[in-house]
């Protein structure tokens, strides 16, 4: 259930608070002893390539050979498993050991400046419909969410319906009170081919086909979806991303470009959810 995902986040937050701070770094200064090992904490951290350089390379592990050029992977999510400092021309520079989320054979070492964290601000943190839509239209980490929205071409995206997917009673009921014919579509299969986390671990181009298939199984084929012009929709679609429902965690994730461990905070929070809320505005 989706509500269990939120409970998992709260439990994970409590675990974070109980752990000692290690590897803390300033947002502006990189100490020579900085390091990050995802295997010791919550796993690798998801990143996107943010560089426009045509010569942004991924190297082999000994950093003696160029093996990939980031220009050939514009839509890839990169999972940073380790980070370390290397002196370069008298400056401390952070390098990442990383691999493609969609093909573990594509891996190597790269300079941190080529990348930006894949971060999602969950709907519960938005106070206005327009701010929510602006983020949905611009955030690279929300590509799969945008693709799912397009499966309902004549339905409007509604912030309150999206929020309802993250909240329990009575907040959930209050948000849904302005709608009729509400229905939550859980796109995850608990058994068989799909699991709670499988969509987010696929390239969006593959995941969207399976989500389309799942909607058809639930009775919402493309013809049905095309006819739903009187419906608004809420979206709870999380791809590979740091996903935050608390403002402090979201701010800290954005403040530090590279992985950090701070008191009460540690990259990353992995939400793992995929659902749609339907409703006709009263």
Protein backbone atom coordinates (compact mmCIF):
# COMPACT_ATOMS: atom_id res chain seq x y z
CA UNK A 1 0.00 0.00 0.00
CA UNK A 2 1.10 3.58 -0.65
CA UNK A 3 0.53 4.61 2.94
CA UNK A 4 3.10 2.00 3.94
CA UNK A 5 5.62 3.84 1.76
CA UNK A 6 5.12 6.98 3.86
CA UNK A 7 5.49 4.93 7.05
CA UNK A 8 8.72 3.55 5.63
CA UNK A 9 9.99 7.08 5.07
CA UNK A 10 9.22 8.03 8.67
CA UNK A 11 10.99 4.94 9.95
CA UNK A 12 13.97 5.67 7.71
CA UNK A 13 14.11 9.20 9.07
CA UNK A 14 14.24 7.87 12.61
CA UNK A 15 17.11 5.58 11.67
CA UNK A 16 18.97 8.53 10.18
CA UNK A 17 18.63 10.48 13.42
CA UNK A 18 20.04 7.61 15.42
CA UNK A 19 23.20 7.29 13.33
CA UNK A 20 26.36 9.22 14.06
CA UNK A 21 27.43 11.88 11.64
CA UNK A 22 30.31 10.79 9.40
CA UNK A 23 31.76 12.26 6.27
CA UNK A 24 30.18 15.67 6.86
CA UNK A 25 31.40 18.37 4.50
CA UNK A 26 30.81 22.08 4.05
CA UNK A 27 28.57 23.12 1.19
CA UNK A 28 31.38 25.34 -0.13
CA UNK A 29 34.60 23.62 0.98
CA UNK A 30 35.74 20.09 0.16
CA UNK A 31 38.12 18.70 2.82
CA UNK A 32 40.87 16.37 1.67
CA UNK A 33 39.47 13.50 3.75
CA UNK A 34 35.94 13.66 2.30
CA UNK A 35 34.55 10.31 1.17
CA UNK A 36 31.22 8.57 0.67
CA UNK A 37 30.52 4.86 0.52
CA UNK A 38 26.92 4.08 -0.34
CA UNK A 39 27.27 0.44 0.66
CA UNK A 40 27.60 1.53 4.30
CA UNK A 41 24.45 3.64 4.34
CA UNK A 42 21.35 3.77 2.16
CA UNK A 43 22.81 2.69 -1.15
CA UNK A 44 23.87 4.65 -4.24
CA UNK A 45 22.66 8.21 -4.87
CA UNK A 46 20.86 8.99 -8.19
CA UNK A 47 22.21 11.74 -10.43
CA UNK A 48 21.59 13.19 -13.89
CA UNK A 49 24.21 14.61 -16.20
CA UNK A 50 23.88 18.41 -16.08
CA UNK A 51 26.82 19.36 -18.31
CA UNK A 52 26.57 20.73 -21.85
CA UNK A 53 30.19 19.87 -22.55
CA UNK A 54 30.88 17.62 -25.50
CA UNK A 55 33.99 16.33 -23.72
CA UNK A 56 32.60 15.16 -20.37
CA UNK A 57 34.07 11.71 -19.90
CA UNK A 58 33.66 8.69 -17.69
CA UNK A 59 36.99 6.94 -17.07
CA UNK A 60 38.00 3.43 -16.12
CA UNK A 61 38.59 2.71 -12.43
CA UNK A 62 42.29 3.57 -12.63
CA UNK A 63 41.43 6.80 -14.48
CA UNK A 64 43.84 6.00 -17.28
CA UNK A 65 41.32 5.52 -20.13
CA UNK A 66 38.21 7.32 -21.30
CA UNK A 67 35.43 4.78 -21.74
CA UNK A 68 32.20 6.82 -22.08
CA UNK A 69 31.17 10.32 -23.13
CA UNK A 70 28.20 11.77 -21.23
CA UNK A 71 26.85 13.42 -24.39
CA UNK A 72 25.79 9.92 -25.45
CA UNK A 73 23.70 9.42 -22.27
CA UNK A 74 21.50 12.55 -21.95
CA UNK A 75 18.60 10.76 -20.23
CA UNK A 76 20.48 8.26 -18.09
CA UNK A 77 20.18 8.18 -14.31
CA UNK A 78 23.63 7.61 -12.83
CA UNK A 79 23.93 5.86 -9.47
CA UNK A 80 26.85 7.13 -7.40
CA UNK A 81 28.08 4.32 -5.18
CA UNK A 82 31.22 6.05 -3.90
CA UNK A 83 32.76 9.53 -3.85
CA UNK A 84 36.33 10.50 -3.05
CA UNK A 85 38.69 13.48 -3.18
CA UNK A 86 41.54 13.75 -5.64
CA UNK A 87 43.97 16.73 -5.71
CA UNK A 88 43.89 18.36 -9.16
CA UNK A 89 46.12 21.36 -9.91
CA UNK A 90 46.32 22.30 -6.25
CA UNK A 91 42.58 21.96 -5.61
CA UNK A 92 40.53 19.24 -3.96
CA UNK A 93 38.14 17.78 -6.51
CA UNK A 94 35.43 15.18 -5.87
CA UNK A 95 35.15 12.20 -8.20
CA UNK A 96 32.31 9.70 -8.39
CA UNK A 97 32.35 5.97 -8.87
CA UNK A 98 29.08 5.39 -10.70
CA UNK A 99 27.06 3.22 -13.04
CA UNK A 100 23.96 3.53 -15.21
CA UNK A 101 20.71 2.75 -13.39
CA UNK A 102 19.52 1.00 -16.55
CA UNK A 103 22.67 -0.90 -17.51
CA UNK A 104 25.19 -1.78 -14.79
CA UNK A 105 27.81 -2.58 -17.42
CA UNK A 106 28.03 1.14 -18.21
CA UNK A 107 30.17 2.33 -15.30
CA UNK A 108 33.35 4.12 -14.32
CA UNK A 109 34.81 7.21 -12.63
CA UNK A 110 33.76 10.82 -13.39
CA UNK A 111 34.18 14.35 -12.03
CA UNK A 112 31.31 15.42 -9.78
CA UNK A 113 30.82 18.76 -11.55
CA UNK A 114 29.20 17.01 -14.51
CA UNK A 115 26.25 15.84 -12.43
CA UNK A 116 23.25 17.06 -10.47
CA UNK A 117 21.26 15.07 -7.93
CA UNK A 118 17.98 13.60 -9.11
CA UNK A 119 15.65 15.13 -6.50
CA UNK A 120 11.87 15.15 -6.20
CA UNK A 121 9.88 17.52 -3.98
CA UNK A 122 6.79 15.49 -3.16
CA UNK A 123 3.35 17.13 -3.63
CA UNK A 124 2.71 17.54 0.11
CA UNK A 125 5.38 20.29 0.19
CA UNK A 126 3.61 22.50 -2.37
CA UNK A 127 1.24 25.27 -1.32
CA UNK A 128 -0.06 26.27 -4.75
CA UNK A 129 -1.28 24.50 -7.85
CA UNK A 130 0.86 26.66 -10.13
CA UNK A 131 4.09 26.02 -8.21
CA UNK A 132 3.37 22.29 -8.37
CA UNK A 133 2.73 22.39 -12.12
CA UNK A 134 5.83 24.50 -12.74
CA UNK A 135 7.97 21.93 -10.96
CA UNK A 136 6.26 19.04 -12.72
CA UNK A 137 6.98 20.63 -16.11
CA UNK A 138 10.63 21.51 -15.40
CA UNK A 139 12.15 18.93 -13.06
CA UNK A 140 14.18 16.39 -15.00
CA UNK A 141 13.61 13.81 -12.24
CA UNK A 142 9.87 13.88 -12.98
CA UNK A 143 10.12 12.64 -16.56
CA UNK A 144 8.17 9.45 -15.87
CA UNK A 145 5.47 11.46 -14.03
CA UNK A 146 5.02 13.68 -17.09
CA UNK A 147 4.79 10.63 -19.34
CA UNK A 148 2.10 9.08 -17.14
CA UNK A 149 0.12 12.35 -17.16
CA UNK A 150 0.09 12.24 -20.97
CA UNK A 151 -1.70 8.89 -20.79
CA UNK A 152 -4.72 10.97 -19.64
CA UNK A 153 -4.60 13.65 -22.38
CA UNK A 154 -7.92 15.32 -21.50
CA UNK A 155 -7.65 15.27 -17.70
CA UNK A 156 -6.18 18.06 -15.59
CA UNK A 157 -3.50 17.46 -12.97
CA UNK A 158 -4.69 18.52 -9.53
CA UNK A 159 -2.41 19.21 -6.56
CA UNK A 160 -4.95 18.17 -3.91
CA UNK A 161 -5.56 14.84 -5.62
CA UNK A 162 -1.80 14.29 -5.76
CA UNK A 163 -1.44 15.20 -2.07
CA UNK A 164 -4.18 12.75 -1.13
CA UNK A 165 -2.02 9.85 -2.28
CA UNK A 166 0.59 10.69 0.38
CA UNK A 167 -1.72 11.29 3.33
CA UNK A 168 -3.76 9.11 5.65
CA UNK A 169 -7.18 9.83 7.14
CA UNK A 170 -8.56 12.37 7.98
CA UNK A 171 -6.34 14.65 5.84
CA UNK A 172 -6.95 12.40 2.86
CA UNK A 173 -10.73 12.58 3.22
CA UNK A 174 -10.62 16.38 3.56
CA UNK A 175 -8.72 16.73 0.28
CA UNK A 176 -11.06 14.37 -1.55
CA UNK A 177 -14.20 16.05 -0.24
CA UNK A 178 -14.16 18.47 -3.20
CA UNK A 179 -14.47 15.61 -5.70
CA UNK A 180 -16.93 12.91 -6.68
CA UNK A 181 -16.29 9.51 -8.28
CA UNK A 182 -12.87 9.29 -6.64
CA UNK A 183 -10.82 6.20 -7.31
CA UNK A 184 -7.21 5.34 -6.53
CA UNK A 185 -5.38 3.28 -9.14
CA UNK A 186 -2.42 1.42 -7.65
CA UNK A 187 -0.16 0.70 -10.59
CA UNK A 188 2.13 -1.67 -8.70
CA UNK A 189 1.55 -5.38 -8.83
CA UNK A 190 2.37 -7.00 -5.51
CA UNK A 191 3.09 -10.38 -7.10
CA UNK A 192 4.21 -11.57 -10.48
CA UNK A 193 6.19 -9.47 -12.91
CA UNK A 194 5.90 -6.09 -11.15
CA UNK A 195 6.86 -5.10 -7.62
CA UNK A 196 6.73 -1.89 -5.57
CA UNK A 197 10.05 -0.64 -6.86
CA UNK A 198 10.40 -2.06 -10.36
CA UNK A 199 9.01 0.83 -12.42
CA UNK A 200 11.50 3.31 -10.99
CA UNK A 201 14.36 0.97 -11.79
CA UNK A 202 13.51 0.97 -15.48
CA UNK A 203 14.25 3.52 -18.15
CA UNK A 204 11.10 5.71 -18.44
CA UNK A 205 10.64 4.63 -22.06
CA UNK A 206 10.23 1.04 -20.86
CA UNK A 207 8.32 1.78 -17.66
CA UNK A 208 5.64 3.80 -19.43
CA UNK A 209 4.75 0.87 -21.68
CA UNK A 210 4.22 -1.38 -18.67
CA UNK A 211 2.22 1.31 -16.85
CA UNK A 212 0.02 1.69 -19.93
CA UNK A 213 -0.48 -2.07 -19.92
CA UNK A 214 -1.30 -2.04 -16.20
CA UNK A 215 -3.91 0.71 -16.68
CA UNK A 216 -5.56 -1.35 -19.39
CA UNK A 217 -5.70 -4.32 -17.01
CA UNK A 218 -7.43 -2.06 -14.46
CA UNK A 219 -10.09 -1.11 -17.02
CA UNK A 220 -8.55 2.16 -18.23
CA UNK A 221 -7.40 1.59 -21.79
CA UNK A 222 -6.50 4.52 -24.03
CA UNK A 223 -10.05 4.97 -25.31
CA UNK A 224 -11.36 5.13 -21.74
CA UNK A 225 -8.67 7.60 -20.73
CA UNK A 226 -9.33 9.80 -23.76
CA UNK A 227 -12.97 10.11 -22.68
CA UNK A 228 -12.18 11.32 -19.15
CA UNK A 229 -12.30 15.07 -19.81
CA UNK A 230 -14.48 15.63 -16.72
CA UNK A 231 -11.87 14.05 -14.45
CA UNK A 232 -8.90 15.59 -12.67
CA UNK A 233 -5.98 13.34 -11.77
CA UNK A 234 -3.44 13.19 -8.97
CA UNK A 235 -0.03 11.61 -9.51
CA UNK A 236 2.26 9.66 -7.21
CA UNK A 237 4.92 8.54 -9.67
CA UNK A 238 8.49 8.39 -8.40
CA UNK A 239 11.40 7.38 -10.60
CA UNK A 240 15.00 6.98 -9.50
CA UNK A 241 15.33 10.05 -7.25
CA UNK A 242 15.89 11.48 -3.79
CA UNK A 243 12.24 12.01 -2.82
CA UNK A 244 11.37 14.29 0.10
CA UNK A 245 8.17 15.02 2.00
CA UNK A 246 9.96 17.24 4.55
CA UNK A 247 11.27 20.69 3.67
CA UNK A 248 14.50 20.41 5.68
CA UNK A 249 15.55 17.21 3.92
CA UNK A 250 14.70 18.68 0.52
CA UNK A 251 16.74 21.83 1.26
CA UNK A 252 19.78 19.88 2.45
CA UNK A 253 19.69 17.53 -0.53
CA UNK A 254 19.80 20.56 -2.82
CA UNK A 255 22.42 22.42 -0.76
CA UNK A 256 25.08 19.74 -1.18
CA UNK A 257 25.91 18.78 -4.74
CA UNK A 258 27.79 15.67 -3.64
CA UNK A 259 26.61 12.93 -1.20
CA UNK A 260 26.76 13.95 2.46
CA UNK A 261 26.10 12.64 5.93
CA UNK A 262 24.87 15.24 8.40
CA UNK A 263 23.19 15.13 11.83
CA UNK A 264 19.64 13.98 11.14
CA UNK A 265 20.18 13.74 7.38
CA UNK A 266 21.66 11.30 4.94
CA UNK A 267 21.19 10.94 1.19
CA UNK A 268 18.93 9.27 0.09
CA UNK A 269 15.20 8.78 0.65
CA UNK A 270 13.80 6.36 -1.91
CA UNK A 271 10.00 6.64 -2.00
CA UNK A 272 9.14 3.81 -4.40
CA UNK A 273 5.52 4.47 -5.34
CA UNK A 274 3.32 4.49 -8.41
CA UNK A 275 -0.37 5.43 -8.24
CA UNK A 276 -3.01 7.72 -9.74
CA UNK A 277 -5.96 9.35 -7.96
CA UNK A 278 -9.03 10.08 -10.06
CA UNK A 279 -11.81 12.51 -9.21
CA UNK A 280 -14.45 14.77 -10.75
CA UNK A 281 -14.42 18.28 -9.26
CA UNK A 282 -17.72 19.23 -7.59
